Protein backbone atom coordinates (compact mmCIF):
# COMPACT_ATOMS: atom_id res chain seq x y z
CA MET A 1 -73.10 217.24 152.92
CA LYS A 2 -73.07 216.15 149.29
CA PHE A 3 -70.63 216.60 146.42
CA SER A 4 -69.29 215.06 143.19
CA ILE A 5 -65.61 214.72 142.28
CA SER A 6 -63.56 212.83 139.71
CA ARG A 7 -61.80 209.67 140.90
CA GLU A 8 -58.31 211.01 140.04
CA ALA A 9 -58.84 214.36 141.83
CA LEU A 10 -59.93 212.60 145.04
CA LEU A 11 -57.41 209.76 144.96
CA LYS A 12 -54.23 211.86 145.02
CA PRO A 13 -54.84 213.77 148.29
CA LEU A 14 -56.63 210.77 149.83
CA ASN A 15 -53.62 208.49 149.29
CA LEU A 16 -51.25 211.06 150.84
CA VAL A 17 -53.47 211.62 153.88
CA ALA A 18 -54.22 207.91 154.37
CA GLY A 19 -50.43 207.34 154.66
CA VAL A 20 -50.44 209.24 157.96
CA VAL A 21 -53.27 207.15 159.41
CA GLU A 22 -52.02 204.17 161.44
CA ARG A 23 -53.61 200.79 160.72
CA ARG A 24 -53.93 199.83 164.40
CA GLN A 25 -55.44 202.58 166.52
CA THR A 26 -56.43 202.83 170.16
CA LEU A 27 -59.08 205.43 169.28
CA PRO A 28 -61.49 204.33 166.51
CA ILE A 29 -61.73 207.86 165.07
CA LEU A 30 -57.98 207.91 164.36
CA SER A 31 -58.48 205.31 161.63
CA ASN A 32 -60.82 207.78 159.88
CA VAL A 33 -60.15 210.79 157.70
CA MET A 34 -62.19 213.97 158.11
CA LEU A 35 -63.86 215.39 154.99
CA VAL A 36 -64.77 219.09 155.16
CA LEU A 37 -66.55 220.78 152.26
CA ASP A 38 -66.62 224.58 152.08
CA GLY A 39 -67.94 225.94 148.78
CA ASP A 40 -66.01 224.13 146.04
CA GLN A 41 -63.00 223.39 148.28
CA LEU A 42 -62.73 219.91 149.80
CA SER A 43 -60.18 219.29 152.55
CA ILE A 44 -59.21 215.81 153.76
CA THR A 45 -57.51 215.47 157.16
CA GLY A 46 -55.72 212.49 158.74
CA THR A 47 -53.78 212.31 162.01
CA ASP A 48 -52.14 209.90 164.44
CA LEU A 49 -51.94 212.64 167.16
CA GLU A 50 -48.23 213.15 166.36
CA VAL A 51 -48.49 214.05 162.67
CA GLU A 52 -51.46 215.72 160.98
CA LEU A 53 -51.93 216.12 157.23
CA VAL A 54 -54.59 218.17 155.46
CA GLY A 55 -54.94 217.67 151.69
CA ARG A 56 -56.94 220.19 149.63
CA VAL A 57 -58.66 219.76 146.27
CA GLY A 58 -61.10 221.87 144.26
CA LEU A 59 -64.34 220.35 142.95
CA ASP A 60 -64.59 220.35 139.15
CA ALA A 61 -68.38 220.10 139.19
CA GLY A 62 -68.79 223.28 141.26
CA PRO A 63 -69.87 223.74 144.91
CA GLY A 64 -71.70 220.96 146.73
CA ALA A 65 -73.71 221.01 149.95
CA ALA A 66 -71.23 222.09 152.67
CA GLY A 67 -70.60 219.98 155.75
CA GLU A 68 -68.10 217.81 157.56
CA ILE A 69 -67.89 214.10 158.39
CA THR A 70 -65.29 211.40 159.11
CA VAL A 71 -65.03 208.12 157.16
CA PRO A 72 -62.72 205.06 157.39
CA ALA A 73 -59.52 206.07 155.59
CA ARG A 74 -58.38 202.73 154.17
CA LYS A 75 -61.84 201.66 153.01
CA LEU A 76 -62.51 204.93 151.18
CA ALA A 77 -59.05 204.81 149.56
CA ASP A 78 -59.54 201.17 148.51
CA ILE A 79 -62.99 201.94 147.03
CA CYS A 80 -61.54 204.85 144.99
CA LYS A 81 -58.63 202.69 143.76
CA SER A 82 -60.99 199.91 142.68
CA LEU A 83 -63.19 202.19 140.56
CA GLN A 84 -62.48 202.65 136.86
CA ASP A 85 -60.20 205.45 135.59
CA GLY A 86 -62.07 208.62 134.74
CA SER A 87 -65.14 207.72 136.78
CA GLU A 88 -67.13 210.31 138.73
CA ILE A 89 -67.69 209.76 142.46
CA GLU A 90 -70.64 211.16 144.40
CA ILE A 91 -70.36 211.29 148.20
CA SER A 92 -73.35 212.13 150.41
CA VAL A 93 -74.28 211.81 154.09
CA ASP A 94 -77.37 209.95 155.26
CA GLY A 95 -77.70 210.12 159.06
CA ASP A 96 -74.63 208.42 160.53
CA ARG A 97 -73.74 206.76 157.20
CA VAL A 98 -71.78 207.98 154.19
CA ILE A 99 -73.00 206.88 150.75
CA VAL A 100 -70.41 206.61 147.96
CA ARG A 101 -71.84 206.21 144.43
CA SER A 102 -70.09 205.78 141.11
CA GLY A 103 -71.81 204.48 137.98
CA ARG A 104 -73.63 201.30 139.02
CA SER A 105 -71.62 200.93 142.25
CA ARG A 106 -72.93 201.99 145.64
CA PHE A 107 -71.12 201.74 148.98
CA THR A 108 -72.42 202.57 152.46
CA LEU A 109 -69.69 203.41 155.00
CA SER A 110 -69.98 203.97 158.74
CA SER A 111 -68.96 207.39 160.01
CA LEU A 112 -68.16 209.22 163.23
CA PRO A 113 -68.99 212.86 164.00
CA ALA A 114 -66.38 215.39 162.87
CA SER A 115 -66.67 217.16 166.25
CA ASP A 116 -64.86 214.17 167.83
CA PHE A 117 -61.91 214.43 165.42
CA PRO A 118 -58.74 215.53 167.26
CA ASN A 119 -56.74 218.59 166.22
CA VAL A 120 -52.97 218.84 166.55
CA GLU A 121 -52.41 221.96 168.65
CA GLU A 122 -50.96 224.84 166.71
CA GLY A 123 -49.34 227.56 168.74
CA PRO A 124 -47.77 230.65 167.15
CA GLY A 125 -44.51 229.99 165.30
CA SER A 126 -41.24 231.65 166.23
CA GLN A 127 -39.52 230.92 162.89
CA HIS A 128 -41.08 231.43 159.49
CA PHE A 129 -39.46 230.94 156.07
CA ARG A 130 -40.10 229.80 152.48
CA VAL A 131 -37.95 227.44 150.43
CA LYS A 132 -38.38 225.54 147.18
CA GLN A 133 -39.91 222.06 147.65
CA GLY A 134 -37.08 220.52 145.61
CA ASP A 135 -34.42 222.11 147.85
CA LEU A 136 -36.08 220.88 151.05
CA LYS A 137 -36.60 217.37 149.64
CA ARG A 138 -32.93 217.23 148.68
CA LEU A 139 -31.89 218.15 152.24
CA ILE A 140 -34.13 215.40 153.66
CA ASP A 141 -33.05 212.77 151.10
CA ARG A 142 -29.37 213.46 151.79
CA THR A 143 -29.66 213.05 155.55
CA SER A 144 -32.68 210.92 156.53
CA PHE A 145 -30.93 207.54 156.06
CA ALA A 146 -28.72 208.28 159.10
CA MET A 147 -31.65 208.64 161.55
CA ALA A 148 -31.85 206.03 164.29
CA GLN A 149 -34.85 203.67 164.12
CA GLN A 150 -35.79 202.60 167.64
CA ASP A 151 -32.97 203.89 169.78
CA VAL A 152 -33.55 204.32 173.52
CA ARG A 153 -31.97 207.75 173.01
CA TYR A 154 -35.30 208.90 171.59
CA TYR A 155 -33.89 212.23 170.36
CA LEU A 156 -31.85 210.29 167.76
CA ASN A 157 -35.07 208.83 166.24
CA GLY A 158 -35.57 212.02 164.30
CA MET A 159 -33.80 214.82 162.48
CA LEU A 160 -32.35 218.10 163.73
CA TRP A 161 -33.55 221.23 161.90
CA GLU A 162 -31.23 224.14 162.60
CA VAL A 163 -32.34 227.54 161.32
CA THR A 164 -29.91 230.44 161.43
CA ALA A 165 -29.77 233.67 159.43
CA GLY A 166 -29.32 232.79 155.77
CA GLN A 167 -29.26 229.01 156.12
CA LEU A 168 -31.25 225.88 156.96
CA ARG A 169 -29.25 222.84 158.09
CA LEU A 170 -30.57 219.29 158.58
CA VAL A 171 -28.58 216.78 160.67
CA ALA A 172 -29.27 213.11 161.44
CA THR A 173 -27.23 210.57 163.41
CA ASP A 174 -27.72 207.12 164.93
CA GLY A 175 -24.54 207.27 167.02
CA HIS A 176 -22.47 205.33 164.43
CA ARG A 177 -22.67 207.74 161.51
CA LEU A 178 -23.77 211.31 160.95
CA ALA A 179 -25.25 213.08 157.90
CA MET A 180 -25.46 216.85 157.50
CA CYS A 181 -26.72 218.99 154.62
CA THR A 182 -26.92 222.79 154.51
CA LEU A 183 -29.07 225.04 152.32
CA LYS A 184 -27.96 228.64 151.94
CA GLY A 185 -30.81 230.96 151.09
CA ASP A 186 -32.86 234.00 151.86
CA ILE A 187 -33.93 232.82 155.30
CA GLN A 188 -34.70 235.73 157.58
CA THR A 189 -34.63 234.82 161.24
CA GLY A 190 -34.09 236.50 164.56
CA ASP A 191 -32.44 234.13 166.97
CA GLY A 192 -31.27 230.81 165.58
CA THR A 193 -33.31 227.79 166.53
CA GLN A 194 -32.84 224.02 166.78
CA VAL A 195 -35.75 221.55 166.78
CA ILE A 196 -36.04 217.77 166.29
CA LEU A 197 -38.63 216.47 163.80
CA PRO A 198 -39.62 212.85 164.62
CA ARG A 199 -38.82 210.06 162.18
CA LYS A 200 -42.40 209.59 160.96
CA GLY A 201 -42.74 213.31 160.34
CA VAL A 202 -39.54 213.34 158.26
CA ILE A 203 -40.71 210.41 156.10
CA GLU A 204 -44.21 211.83 155.56
CA LEU A 205 -42.94 215.32 154.70
CA ALA A 206 -40.48 213.91 152.14
CA ARG A 207 -43.38 212.07 150.44
CA LEU A 208 -45.31 215.32 150.04
CA LEU A 209 -42.62 217.43 148.36
CA MET A 210 -43.44 216.50 144.76
CA ASN A 211 -43.49 219.85 142.92
CA GLU A 212 -39.85 220.81 143.14
CA ASN A 213 -40.21 224.32 141.66
CA ASP A 214 -43.09 225.34 143.95
CA ASP A 215 -42.53 226.96 147.33
CA VAL A 216 -43.23 225.40 150.70
CA GLU A 217 -43.85 227.67 153.67
CA VAL A 218 -42.38 226.40 156.95
CA VAL A 219 -43.37 227.62 160.42
CA ILE A 220 -41.51 226.33 163.48
CA GLY A 221 -43.07 226.78 166.90
CA SER A 222 -42.05 225.67 170.38
CA ASN A 223 -43.66 222.23 170.08
CA HIS A 224 -44.70 221.84 166.43
CA ILE A 225 -43.55 222.38 162.86
CA ARG A 226 -45.92 223.20 160.01
CA ALA A 227 -45.28 223.05 156.26
CA THR A 228 -47.85 224.48 153.83
CA THR A 229 -48.20 224.35 150.03
CA LYS A 230 -51.17 224.90 147.72
CA GLU A 231 -52.10 221.21 147.97
CA PHE A 232 -51.53 220.37 151.64
CA THR A 233 -50.78 221.50 155.18
CA PHE A 234 -48.49 219.20 157.17
CA THR A 235 -48.16 219.58 160.95
CA SER A 236 -45.98 217.50 163.25
CA LYS A 237 -45.21 217.60 166.93
CA LEU A 238 -41.52 217.98 167.78
CA VAL A 239 -39.36 215.64 169.83
CA ASP A 240 -38.83 217.09 173.28
CA GLY A 241 -35.12 216.46 173.76
CA LYS A 242 -31.64 217.83 173.18
CA PHE A 243 -29.81 216.76 170.04
CA PRO A 244 -26.08 215.94 170.49
CA GLU A 245 -23.59 218.70 169.74
CA TYR A 246 -22.89 217.43 166.25
CA GLU A 247 -20.09 219.95 165.54
CA ARG A 248 -17.92 218.18 168.11
CA VAL A 249 -17.87 214.90 166.15
CA LEU A 250 -16.79 216.45 162.85
CA PRO A 251 -13.14 215.42 162.29
CA ARG A 252 -11.03 218.57 162.31
CA SER A 253 -7.44 217.60 161.46
CA SER A 254 -7.36 214.69 159.03
CA SER A 255 -3.87 213.95 157.75
CA LYS A 256 -4.85 211.42 155.08
CA LEU A 257 -6.92 212.68 152.15
CA VAL A 258 -8.19 210.24 149.53
CA PHE A 259 -9.90 211.26 146.27
CA GLY A 260 -11.62 208.61 144.17
CA SER A 261 -14.38 207.99 141.64
CA ARG A 262 -17.69 207.79 143.49
CA ASP A 263 -19.12 205.29 141.02
CA GLU A 264 -16.07 202.98 141.06
CA LEU A 265 -15.95 202.99 144.86
CA ARG A 266 -19.69 202.32 145.14
CA GLN A 267 -19.47 199.34 142.80
CA ALA A 268 -16.39 197.94 144.55
CA PHE A 269 -18.01 198.25 148.01
CA SER A 270 -21.23 196.65 146.68
CA ARG A 271 -19.32 193.63 145.36
CA ALA A 272 -17.20 193.26 148.51
CA ALA A 273 -20.33 193.52 150.69
CA ILE A 274 -21.65 190.24 149.20
CA LEU A 275 -19.09 188.27 151.23
CA SER A 276 -19.09 190.44 154.36
CA ASN A 277 -20.44 189.15 157.68
CA GLU A 278 -24.23 189.44 157.35
CA LYS A 279 -24.62 190.65 160.94
CA TYR A 280 -21.75 193.14 161.31
CA ARG A 281 -21.20 194.09 157.64
CA GLY A 282 -17.53 194.91 158.27
CA VAL A 283 -14.96 195.55 155.50
CA ARG A 284 -11.25 196.37 155.84
CA LEU A 285 -9.77 199.26 153.88
CA LEU A 286 -6.03 199.07 153.16
CA LEU A 287 -4.71 202.36 151.89
CA SER A 288 -1.37 202.75 150.09
CA ASP A 289 0.07 205.06 147.43
CA GLY A 290 -2.44 205.32 144.59
CA ASN A 291 -4.49 202.31 145.73
CA LEU A 292 -7.36 201.45 148.04
CA LYS A 293 -7.81 197.75 148.71
CA ILE A 294 -11.18 196.60 150.11
CA VAL A 295 -11.28 193.22 151.87
CA ALA A 296 -14.37 191.44 153.24
CA ASN A 297 -14.55 188.13 155.14
CA ASN A 298 -17.34 186.11 156.66
CA PRO A 299 -17.59 183.23 159.20
CA GLU A 300 -17.62 180.68 156.32
CA GLN A 301 -14.00 181.70 155.58
CA GLU A 302 -15.03 183.27 152.27
CA GLU A 303 -13.24 186.41 151.13
CA ALA A 304 -13.74 189.24 148.65
CA GLU A 305 -10.94 191.58 147.59
CA GLU A 306 -11.31 194.70 145.45
CA THR A 307 -8.64 197.21 144.47
CA VAL A 308 -9.58 200.73 143.35
CA ALA A 309 -7.17 203.34 141.97
CA VAL A 310 -7.36 206.50 144.10
CA ASP A 311 -5.53 209.78 144.40
CA TYR A 312 -3.53 209.30 147.63
CA GLN A 313 0.09 209.73 148.71
CA GLY A 314 1.12 209.08 152.25
CA GLU A 315 1.57 206.46 154.94
CA GLU A 316 -0.19 203.14 154.66
CA LEU A 317 -3.35 202.77 156.74
CA GLU A 318 -5.62 199.86 157.63
CA ILE A 319 -9.10 200.71 158.93
CA GLY A 320 -12.46 198.90 159.24
CA PHE A 321 -15.96 200.20 158.47
CA ASN A 322 -19.54 198.97 158.24
CA VAL A 323 -19.89 198.72 154.46
CA SER A 324 -23.63 199.56 154.58
CA TYR A 325 -22.83 202.98 156.06
CA LEU A 326 -20.33 203.74 153.27
CA LEU A 327 -22.78 202.58 150.58
CA ASP A 328 -25.56 204.76 152.04
CA VAL A 329 -23.34 207.84 151.71
CA LEU A 330 -22.10 206.98 148.20
CA GLY A 331 -25.73 206.42 147.19
CA VAL A 332 -26.82 209.99 148.03
CA LEU A 333 -23.74 211.90 146.86
CA THR A 334 -23.95 213.05 143.25
CA GLY A 335 -20.50 214.38 142.28
CA GLU A 336 -18.17 212.30 140.10
CA LYS A 337 -15.42 212.39 142.73
CA VAL A 338 -15.64 211.74 146.44
CA LYS A 339 -13.23 212.95 149.12
CA LEU A 340 -12.45 210.73 152.10
CA SER A 341 -10.56 212.28 155.04
CA MET A 342 -9.01 210.06 157.74
CA SER A 343 -6.29 210.34 160.37
CA ASP A 344 -5.82 206.87 161.94
CA ALA A 345 -7.49 203.48 162.44
CA ASN A 346 -9.39 204.62 165.56
CA SER A 347 -10.76 207.92 164.28
CA SER A 348 -13.90 208.72 162.32
CA ALA A 349 -13.76 209.26 158.58
CA LEU A 350 -15.26 212.28 156.84
CA LEU A 351 -16.87 211.82 153.41
CA GLU A 352 -17.91 214.63 151.10
CA GLU A 353 -18.06 215.63 147.45
CA SER A 354 -14.61 216.74 146.34
CA GLU A 355 -16.03 219.86 144.65
CA ASP A 356 -17.88 222.49 146.68
CA GLY A 357 -20.58 220.29 148.18
CA ASP A 358 -23.18 221.20 150.79
CA SER A 359 -23.16 217.82 152.56
CA LEU A 360 -20.84 216.19 155.11
CA TYR A 361 -20.88 212.59 156.34
CA VAL A 362 -19.06 211.13 159.33
CA VAL A 363 -18.65 207.35 159.71
CA MET A 364 -17.23 205.72 162.84
CA PRO A 365 -14.61 202.98 162.31
CA MET A 366 -15.08 199.31 163.30
CA ARG A 367 -12.64 197.01 165.03
CA LEU A 368 -12.22 193.95 162.80
């Protein structure tokens, strides 16, 4: 195996693939990436047994000597980063060593046989559809912040993908708040399906969706999901669990509707959050005709008070929330106005864009 490639052409897919590779591995080969050369097409594969990523790049200098080998991911990436812009890199195999040359630099890396490199199993997919990368990235960006991080309810440490005829819906919840975004489109499907993509898979896939006008092809199987573009193929195992029935937590009959400027509310919550309790992050909302007062206290007896003009007529209401959850939602919404629907101090609030939005957010109240 021997080929030449420009530093920039190699570095882009290598950086993406190296992101999947865990730093501390039980199996030595999992800290390597697999290089496979076929004609003038080089593919670079990394995996942690849960998520697999294959990056593809064409060789400018024409076909090299075909072959396959694995090399340490971080070391190869660091070598490429340290070389000068515009430099040409030559990679060749000498026995069980890989030689990397560029200009007057020469590096000898250890390698392991490609035959030992594990493959993520790929069964046939039951669902198959294409969407624009920009649309899918928007769905992920609008919901991923609500995923749980290390919850014992392991099915919450991921994101629900629900595919039904004509729409793709992504839902995430950590038990305290819920985020949901729906994409209507030309999605042909037989029976609807629900699968849970693990947290790492969600984060890695979002990193890959860089060309917003290009398509991404998605295949969902019984135990894996695969996303393919011209530059990469991403495969992730699915979480084997049942996601909560999210429709049941959406507030149905909210008697108090508040409309306000998203930007003004976000700034007011940000300022009030400075003096909230660092552990619980609670703020009190006091709602009255035309006004929303935000009050934050902390154990040092300090207090912040903000008043924002809102469009609201009705009974007064006092309710507590974790201010971080509200700021997360206001950070991903894009409309000028935001709609807040509430019924009483013990019920969840529903946040959405006041115009026809495709996203819904539910935030549980706090006792303060």
